[in-house]
Amino acid sequence: MLQNTECKDAIRRMCISSRSFKSICYSYRKCSEAIRYWTESDRDEAPERQREYAALLHELKLEISQSLKENY
């Protein structure tokens, strides 16, 4: 597996060279923001939304990891 600095560099390179990878990273970032929002929310549906976004975040993380493994 890539080290932290190597991983960041690989992600940057992949974002430049692959529109689909860049889109996955964007979705990951937006999903992370949504989790923070729902974690701070007092709304009744907050726990369910946290779980939904956590599951999505996990899937996106797997996609990113798989792409990095295939390319580096």
PDB file of N, CA and C in Angstrom:
ATOM      1  N   MET A   1       0.843  -1.187   0.000  1.00  0.00           N
ATOM      2  CA  MET A   1       0.000   0.000   0.000  1.00  0.00           C
ATOM      3  C   MET A   1       0.882   1.243   0.000  1.00  0.00           C
ATOM      4  N   LEU A   2       0.387   2.298  -0.571  1.00  0.00           N
ATOM      5  CA  LEU A   2       1.133   3.548  -0.645  1.00  0.00           C
ATOM      6  C   LEU A   2       1.178   4.242   0.708  1.00  0.00           C
ATOM      7  N   GLN A   3       2.297   4.914   0.965  1.00  0.00           N
ATOM      8  CA  GLN A   3       2.407   5.719   2.171  1.00  0.00           C
ATOM      9  C   GLN A   3       1.556   6.974   2.003  1.00  0.00           C
ATOM     10  N   ASN A   4       1.311   7.679   3.097  1.00  0.00           N
ATOM     11  CA  ASN A   4       0.415   8.829   3.093  1.00  0.00           C
ATOM     12  C   ASN A   4       0.791   9.873   2.037  1.00  0.00           C
ATOM     13  N   THR A   5       2.043  10.292   1.997  1.00  0.00           N
ATOM     14  CA  THR A   5       2.481  11.300   1.028  1.00  0.00           C
ATOM     15  C   THR A   5       2.381  10.756  -0.387  1.00  0.00           C
ATOM     16  N   GLU A   6       2.796   9.509  -0.573  1.00  0.00           N
ATOM     17  CA  GLU A   6       2.690   8.883  -1.886  1.00  0.00           C
ATOM     18  C   GLU A   6       1.237   8.782  -2.320  1.00  0.00           C
ATOM     19  N   CYS A   7       0.372   8.470  -1.375  1.00  0.00           N
ATOM     20  CA  CYS A   7      -1.047   8.335  -1.664  1.00  0.00           C
ATOM     21  C   CYS A   7      -1.631   9.671  -2.116  1.00  0.00           C
ATOM     22  N   LYS A   8      -1.310  10.738  -1.418  1.00  0.00           N
ATOM     23  CA  LYS A   8      -1.792  12.067  -1.796  1.00  0.00           C
ATOM     24  C   LYS A   8      -1.318  12.436  -3.190  1.00  0.00           C
ATOM     25  N   ASP A   9      -0.042  12.158  -3.484  1.00  0.00           N
ATOM     26  CA  ASP A   9       0.496  12.455  -4.811  1.00  0.00           C
ATOM     27  C   ASP A   9      -0.199  11.621  -5.879  1.00  0.00           C
ATOM     28  N   ALA A  10      -0.426  10.352  -5.589  1.00  0.00           N
ATOM     29  CA  ALA A  10      -1.105   9.476  -6.545  1.00  0.00           C
ATOM     30  C   ALA A  10      -2.531   9.952  -6.807  1.00  0.00           C
ATOM     31  N   ILE A  11      -3.214  10.373  -5.763  1.00  0.00           N
ATOM     32  CA  ILE A  11      -4.588  10.882  -5.916  1.00  0.00           C
ATOM     33  C   ILE A  11      -4.577  12.144  -6.779  1.00  0.00           C
ATOM     34  N   ARG A  12      -3.635  13.036  -6.534  1.00  0.00           N
ATOM     35  CA  ARG A  12      -3.544  14.256  -7.352  1.00  0.00           C
ATOM     36  C   ARG A  12      -3.323  13.916  -8.827  1.00  0.00           C
ATOM     37  N   ARG A  13      -2.393  12.993  -9.080  1.00  0.00           N
ATOM     38  CA  ARG A  13      -2.109  12.610 -10.462  1.00  0.00           C
ATOM     39  C   ARG A  13      -3.329  11.963 -11.123  1.00  0.00           C
ATOM     40  N   MET A  14      -3.993  11.108 -10.381  1.00  0.00           N
ATOM     41  CA  MET A  14      -5.168  10.435 -10.937  1.00  0.00           C
ATOM     42  C   MET A  14      -6.294  11.434 -11.204  1.00  0.00           C
ATOM     43  N   CYS A  15      -6.455  12.426 -10.353  1.00  0.00           N
ATOM     44  CA  CYS A  15      -7.496  13.442 -10.567  1.00  0.00           C
ATOM     45  C   CYS A  15      -7.233  14.235 -11.842  1.00  0.00           C
ATOM     46  N   ILE A  16      -5.960  14.441 -12.143  1.00  0.00           N
ATOM     47  CA  ILE A  16      -5.598  15.166 -13.361  1.00  0.00           C
ATOM     48  C   ILE A  16      -5.846  14.303 -14.596  1.00  0.00           C
ATOM     49  N   SER A  17      -5.538  13.022 -14.482  1.00  0.00           N
ATOM     50  CA  SER A  17      -5.592  12.158 -15.664  1.00  0.00           C
ATOM     51  C   SER A  17      -6.932  11.444 -15.872  1.00  0.00           C
ATOM     52  N   SER A  18      -7.768  11.403 -14.858  1.00  0.00           N
ATOM     53  CA  SER A  18      -9.014  10.644 -14.971  1.00  0.00           C
ATOM     54  C   SER A  18     -10.206  11.457 -14.464  1.00  0.00           C
ATOM     55  N   ARG A  19     -11.075  11.792 -15.390  1.00  0.00           N
ATOM     56  CA  ARG A  19     -12.271  12.549 -15.016  1.00  0.00           C
ATOM     57  C   ARG A  19     -13.167  11.734 -14.077  1.00  0.00           C
ATOM     58  N   SER A  20     -13.282  10.439 -14.319  1.00  0.00           N
ATOM     59  CA  SER A  20     -14.141   9.609 -13.457  1.00  0.00           C
ATOM     60  C   SER A  20     -13.567   9.495 -12.044  1.00  0.00           C
ATOM     61  N   PHE A  21     -12.240   9.376 -11.933  1.00  0.00           N
ATOM     62  CA  PHE A  21     -11.617   9.316 -10.614  1.00  0.00           C
ATOM     63  C   PHE A  21     -11.818  10.637  -9.877  1.00  0.00           C
ATOM     64  N   LYS A  22     -11.664  11.740 -10.594  1.00  0.00           N
ATOM     65  CA  LYS A  22     -11.880  13.055  -9.998  1.00  0.00           C
ATOM     66  C   LYS A  22     -13.318  13.182  -9.495  1.00  0.00           C
ATOM     67  N   SER A  23     -14.254  12.643 -10.236  1.00  0.00           N
ATOM     68  CA  SER A  23     -15.657  12.674  -9.841  1.00  0.00           C
ATOM     69  C   SER A  23     -15.894  11.864  -8.568  1.00  0.00           C
ATOM     70  N   ILE A  24     -15.250  10.719  -8.461  1.00  0.00           N
ATOM     71  CA  ILE A  24     -15.373   9.892  -7.259  1.00  0.00           C
ATOM     72  C   ILE A  24     -14.807  10.635  -6.052  1.00  0.00           C
ATOM     73  N   CYS A  25     -13.681  11.290  -6.240  1.00  0.00           N
ATOM     74  CA  CYS A  25     -13.071  12.064  -5.140  1.00  0.00           C
ATOM     75  C   CYS A  25     -13.962  13.231  -4.729  1.00  0.00           C
ATOM     76  N   TYR A  26     -14.581  13.874  -5.706  1.00  0.00           N
ATOM     77  CA  TYR A  26     -15.507  14.957  -5.409  1.00  0.00           C
ATOM     78  C   TYR A  26     -16.694  14.434  -4.600  1.00  0.00           C
ATOM     79  N   SER A  27     -17.225  13.295  -5.024  1.00  0.00           N
ATOM     80  CA  SER A  27     -18.349  12.688  -4.296  1.00  0.00           C
ATOM     81  C   SER A  27     -17.944  12.315  -2.877  1.00  0.00           C
ATOM     82  N   TYR A  28     -16.723  11.814  -2.721  1.00  0.00           N
ATOM     83  CA  TYR A  28     -16.206  11.466  -1.398  1.00  0.00           C
ATOM     84  C   TYR A  28     -16.172  12.701  -0.497  1.00  0.00           C
ATOM     85  N   ARG A  29     -15.667  13.805  -1.045  1.00  0.00           N
ATOM     86  CA  ARG A  29     -15.580  15.046  -0.278  1.00  0.00           C
ATOM     87  C   ARG A  29     -16.979  15.545   0.111  1.00  0.00           C
ATOM     88  N   LYS A  30     -17.913  15.543  -0.831  1.00  0.00           N
ATOM     89  CA  LYS A  30     -19.276  16.005  -0.546  1.00  0.00           C
ATOM     90  C   LYS A  30     -19.966  15.086   0.462  1.00  0.00           C
ATOM     91  N   CYS A  31     -19.724  13.813   0.359  1.00  0.00           N
ATOM     92  CA  CYS A  31     -20.300  12.852   1.298  1.00  0.00           C
ATOM     93  C   CYS A  31     -19.743  13.088   2.705  1.00  0.00           C
ATOM     94  N   SER A  32     -18.461  13.364   2.810  1.00  0.00           N
ATOM     95  CA  SER A  32     -17.844  13.674   4.109  1.00  0.00           C
ATOM     96  C   SER A  32     -18.486  14.918   4.724  1.00  0.00           C
ATOM     97  N   GLU A  33     -18.741  15.914   3.879  1.00  0.00           N
ATOM     98  CA  GLU A  33     -19.401  17.128   4.359  1.00  0.00           C
ATOM     99  C   GLU A  33     -20.815  16.823   4.852  1.00  0.00           C
ATOM    100  N   ALA A  34     -21.519  15.963   4.142  1.00  0.00           N
ATOM    101  CA  ALA A  34     -22.878  15.594   4.543  1.00  0.00           C
ATOM    102  C   ALA A  34     -22.877  14.863   5.883  1.00  0.00           C
ATOM    103  N   ILE A  35     -21.911  14.008   6.090  1.00  0.00           N
ATOM    104  CA  ILE A  35     -21.810  13.297   7.377  1.00  0.00           C
ATOM    105  C   ILE A  35     -21.600  14.300   8.511  1.00  0.00           C
ATOM    106  N   ARG A  36     -20.705  15.270   8.285  1.00  0.00           N
ATOM    107  CA  ARG A  36     -20.494  16.296   9.315  1.00  0.00           C
ATOM    108  C   ARG A  36     -21.787  17.063   9.585  1.00  0.00           C
ATOM    109  N   TYR A  37     -22.504  17.408   8.528  1.00  0.00           N
ATOM    110  CA  TYR A  37     -23.768  18.125   8.691  1.00  0.00           C
ATOM    111  C   TYR A  37     -24.751  17.314   9.533  1.00  0.00           C
ATOM    112  N   TRP A  38     -24.947  16.057   9.168  1.00  0.00           N
ATOM    113  CA  TRP A  38     -25.934  15.234   9.875  1.00  0.00           C
ATOM    114  C   TRP A  38     -25.479  14.865  11.279  1.00  0.00           C
ATOM    115  N   THR A  39     -24.186  14.829  11.513  1.00  0.00           N
ATOM    116  CA  THR A  39     -23.674  14.563  12.862  1.00  0.00           C
ATOM    117  C   THR A  39     -24.019  15.719  13.796  1.00  0.00           C
ATOM    118  N   GLU A  40     -24.017  16.933  13.257  1.00  0.00           N
ATOM    119  CA  GLU A  40     -24.314  18.117  14.064  1.00  0.00           C
ATOM    120  C   GLU A  40     -25.811  18.445  14.113  1.00  0.00           C
ATOM    121  N   SER A  41     -26.591  17.757  13.323  1.00  0.00           N
ATOM    122  CA  SER A  41     -28.017  18.054  13.221  1.00  0.00           C
ATOM    123  C   SER A  41     -28.810  17.472  14.395  1.00  0.00           C
ATOM    124  N   ASP A  42     -29.854  18.204  14.786  1.00  0.00           N
ATOM    125  CA  ASP A  42     -30.770  17.732  15.825  1.00  0.00           C
ATOM    126  C   ASP A  42     -32.043  17.131  15.228  1.00  0.00           C
ATOM    127  N   ARG A  43     -32.110  17.075  13.921  1.00  0.00           N
ATOM    128  CA  ARG A  43     -33.319  16.589  13.269  1.00  0.00           C
ATOM    129  C   ARG A  43     -33.529  15.105  13.546  1.00  0.00           C
ATOM    130  N   ASP A  44     -34.781  14.683  13.561  1.00  0.00           N
ATOM    131  CA  ASP A  44     -35.119  13.291  13.869  1.00  0.00           C
ATOM    132  C   ASP A  44     -34.474  12.294  12.919  1.00  0.00           C
ATOM    133  N   GLU A  45     -34.348  12.687  11.656  1.00  0.00           N
ATOM    134  CA  GLU A  45     -33.802  11.757  10.664  1.00  0.00           C
ATOM    135  C   GLU A  45     -32.278  11.729  10.626  1.00  0.00           C
ATOM    136  N   ALA A  46     -31.632  12.511  11.465  1.00  0.00           N
ATOM    137  CA  ALA A  46     -30.166  12.614  11.447  1.00  0.00           C
ATOM    138  C   ALA A  46     -29.451  11.269  11.599  1.00  0.00           C
ATOM    139  N   PRO A  47     -29.819  10.423  12.559  1.00  0.00           N
ATOM    140  CA  PRO A  47     -29.089   9.146  12.687  1.00  0.00           C
ATOM    141  C   PRO A  47     -29.179   8.279  11.425  1.00  0.00           C
ATOM    142  N   GLU A  48     -30.351   8.257  10.803  1.00  0.00           N
ATOM    143  CA  GLU A  48     -30.515   7.461   9.578  1.00  0.00           C
ATOM    144  C   GLU A  48     -29.682   8.046   8.437  1.00  0.00           C
ATOM    145  N   ARG A  49     -29.672   9.346   8.309  1.00  0.00           N
ATOM    146  CA  ARG A  49     -28.876  10.004   7.257  1.00  0.00           C
ATOM    147  C   ARG A  49     -27.383   9.766   7.493  1.00  0.00           C
ATOM    148  N   GLN A  50     -26.966   9.791   8.746  1.00  0.00           N
ATOM    149  CA  GLN A  50     -25.558   9.500   9.061  1.00  0.00           C
ATOM    150  C   GLN A  50     -25.195   8.098   8.582  1.00  0.00           C
ATOM    151  N   ARG A  51     -26.065   7.137   8.871  1.00  0.00           N
ATOM    152  CA  ARG A  51     -25.799   5.751   8.440  1.00  0.00           C
ATOM    153  C   ARG A  51     -25.752   5.638   6.912  1.00  0.00           C
ATOM    154  N   GLU A  52     -26.683   6.300   6.245  1.00  0.00           N
ATOM    155  CA  GLU A  52     -26.716   6.247   4.781  1.00  0.00           C
ATOM    156  C   GLU A  52     -25.439   6.838   4.178  1.00  0.00           C
ATOM    157  N   TYR A  53     -25.066   7.997   4.671  1.00  0.00           N
ATOM    158  CA  TYR A  53     -23.856   8.635   4.144  1.00  0.00           C
ATOM    159  C   TYR A  53     -22.596   7.869   4.539  1.00  0.00           C
ATOM    160  N   ALA A  54     -22.583   7.269   5.700  1.00  0.00           N
ATOM    161  CA  ALA A  54     -21.426   6.460   6.108  1.00  0.00           C
ATOM    162  C   ALA A  54     -21.259   5.259   5.182  1.00  0.00           C
ATOM    163  N   ALA A  55     -22.370   4.633   4.803  1.00  0.00           N
ATOM    164  CA  ALA A  55     -22.305   3.500   3.879  1.00  0.00           C
ATOM    165  C   ALA A  55     -21.806   3.954   2.506  1.00  0.00           C
ATOM    166  N   LEU A  56     -22.312   5.086   2.045  1.00  0.00           N
ATOM    167  CA  LEU A  56     -21.865   5.627   0.769  1.00  0.00           C
ATOM    168  C   LEU A  56     -20.386   5.989   0.816  1.00  0.00           C
ATOM    169  N   LEU A  57     -19.960   6.610   1.896  1.00  0.00           N
ATOM    170  CA  LEU A  57     -18.560   6.979   2.052  1.00  0.00           C
ATOM    171  C   LEU A  57     -17.661   5.743   2.002  1.00  0.00           C
ATOM    172  N   HIS A  58     -18.099   4.685   2.641  1.00  0.00           N
ATOM    173  CA  HIS A  58     -17.336   3.432   2.623  1.00  0.00           C
ATOM    174  C   HIS A  58     -17.191   2.910   1.194  1.00  0.00           C
ATOM    175  N   GLU A  59     -18.274   2.917   0.435  1.00  0.00           N
ATOM    176  CA  GLU A  59     -18.233   2.457  -0.955  1.00  0.00           C
ATOM    177  C   GLU A  59     -17.307   3.326  -1.799  1.00  0.00           C
ATOM    178  N   LEU A  60     -17.372   4.628  -1.612  1.00  0.00           N
ATOM    179  CA  LEU A  60     -16.500   5.533  -2.361  1.00  0.00           C
ATOM    180  C   LEU A  60     -15.033   5.309  -2.004  1.00  0.00           C
ATOM    181  N   LYS A  61     -14.769   5.073  -0.727  1.00  0.00           N
ATOM    182  CA  LYS A  61     -13.401   4.799  -0.283  1.00  0.00           C
ATOM    183  C   LYS A  61     -12.867   3.527  -0.937  1.00  0.00           C
ATOM    184  N   LEU A  62     -13.720   2.517  -1.040  1.00  0.00           N
ATOM    185  CA  LEU A  62     -13.317   1.279  -1.709  1.00  0.00           C
ATOM    186  C   LEU A  62     -13.012   1.524  -3.185  1.00  0.00           C
ATOM    187  N   GLU A  63     -13.839   2.324  -3.840  1.00  0.00           N
ATOM    188  CA  GLU A  63     -13.603   2.651  -5.252  1.00  0.00           C
ATOM    189  C   GLU A  63     -12.279   3.387  -5.437  1.00  0.00           C
ATOM    190  N   ILE A  64     -12.020   4.342  -4.566  1.00  0.00           N
ATOM    191  CA  ILE A  64     -10.768   5.094  -4.647  1.00  0.00           C
ATOM    192  C   ILE A  64      -9.583   4.160  -4.422  1.00  0.00           C
ATOM    193  N   SER A  65      -9.668   3.329  -3.411  1.00  0.00           N
ATOM    194  CA  SER A  65      -8.582   2.383  -3.114  1.00  0.00           C
ATOM    195  C   SER A  65      -8.341   1.430  -4.278  1.00  0.00           C
ATOM    196  N   GLN A  66      -9.410   0.925  -4.856  1.00  0.00           N
ATOM    197  CA  GLN A  66      -9.288   0.000  -5.977  1.00  0.00           C
ATOM    198  C   GLN A  66      -8.622   0.685  -7.176  1.00  0.00           C
ATOM    199  N   SER A  67      -9.028   1.891  -7.460  1.00  0.00           N
ATOM    200  CA  SER A  67      -8.432   2.641  -8.566  1.00  0.00           C
ATOM    201  C   SER A  67      -6.935   2.873  -8.330  1.00  0.00           C
ATOM    202  N   LEU A  68      -6.588   3.210  -7.116  1.00  0.00           N
ATOM    203  CA  LEU A  68      -5.173   3.422  -6.804  1.00  0.00           C
ATOM    204  C   LEU A  68      -4.378   2.132  -6.936  1.00  0.00           C
ATOM    205  N   LYS A  69      -4.946   1.021  -6.475  1.00  0.00           N
ATOM    206  CA  LYS A  69      -4.255  -0.271  -6.592  1.00  0.00           C
ATOM    207  C   LYS A  69      -4.041  -0.649  -8.043  1.00  0.00           C
ATOM    208  N   GLU A  70      -5.032  -0.376  -8.889  1.00  0.00           N
ATOM    209  CA  GLU A  70      -4.936  -0.721 -10.301  1.00  0.00           C
ATOM    210  C   GLU A  70      -3.929   0.132 -11.047  1.00  0.00           C
ATOM    211  N   ASN A  71      -3.686   1.333 -10.557  1.00  0.00           N
ATOM    212  CA  ASN A  71      -2.840   2.266 -11.284  1.00  0.00           C
ATOM    213  C   ASN A  71      -1.471   2.500 -10.662  1.00  0.00           C
ATOM    214  N   TYR A  72      -1.255   2.013  -9.430  1.00  0.00           N
ATOM    215  CA  TYR A  72       0.034   2.246  -8.776  1.00  0.00           C
ATOM    216  C   TYR A  72       0.547   1.033  -8.075  1.00  0.00           C
TER     217      TYR A  72
END
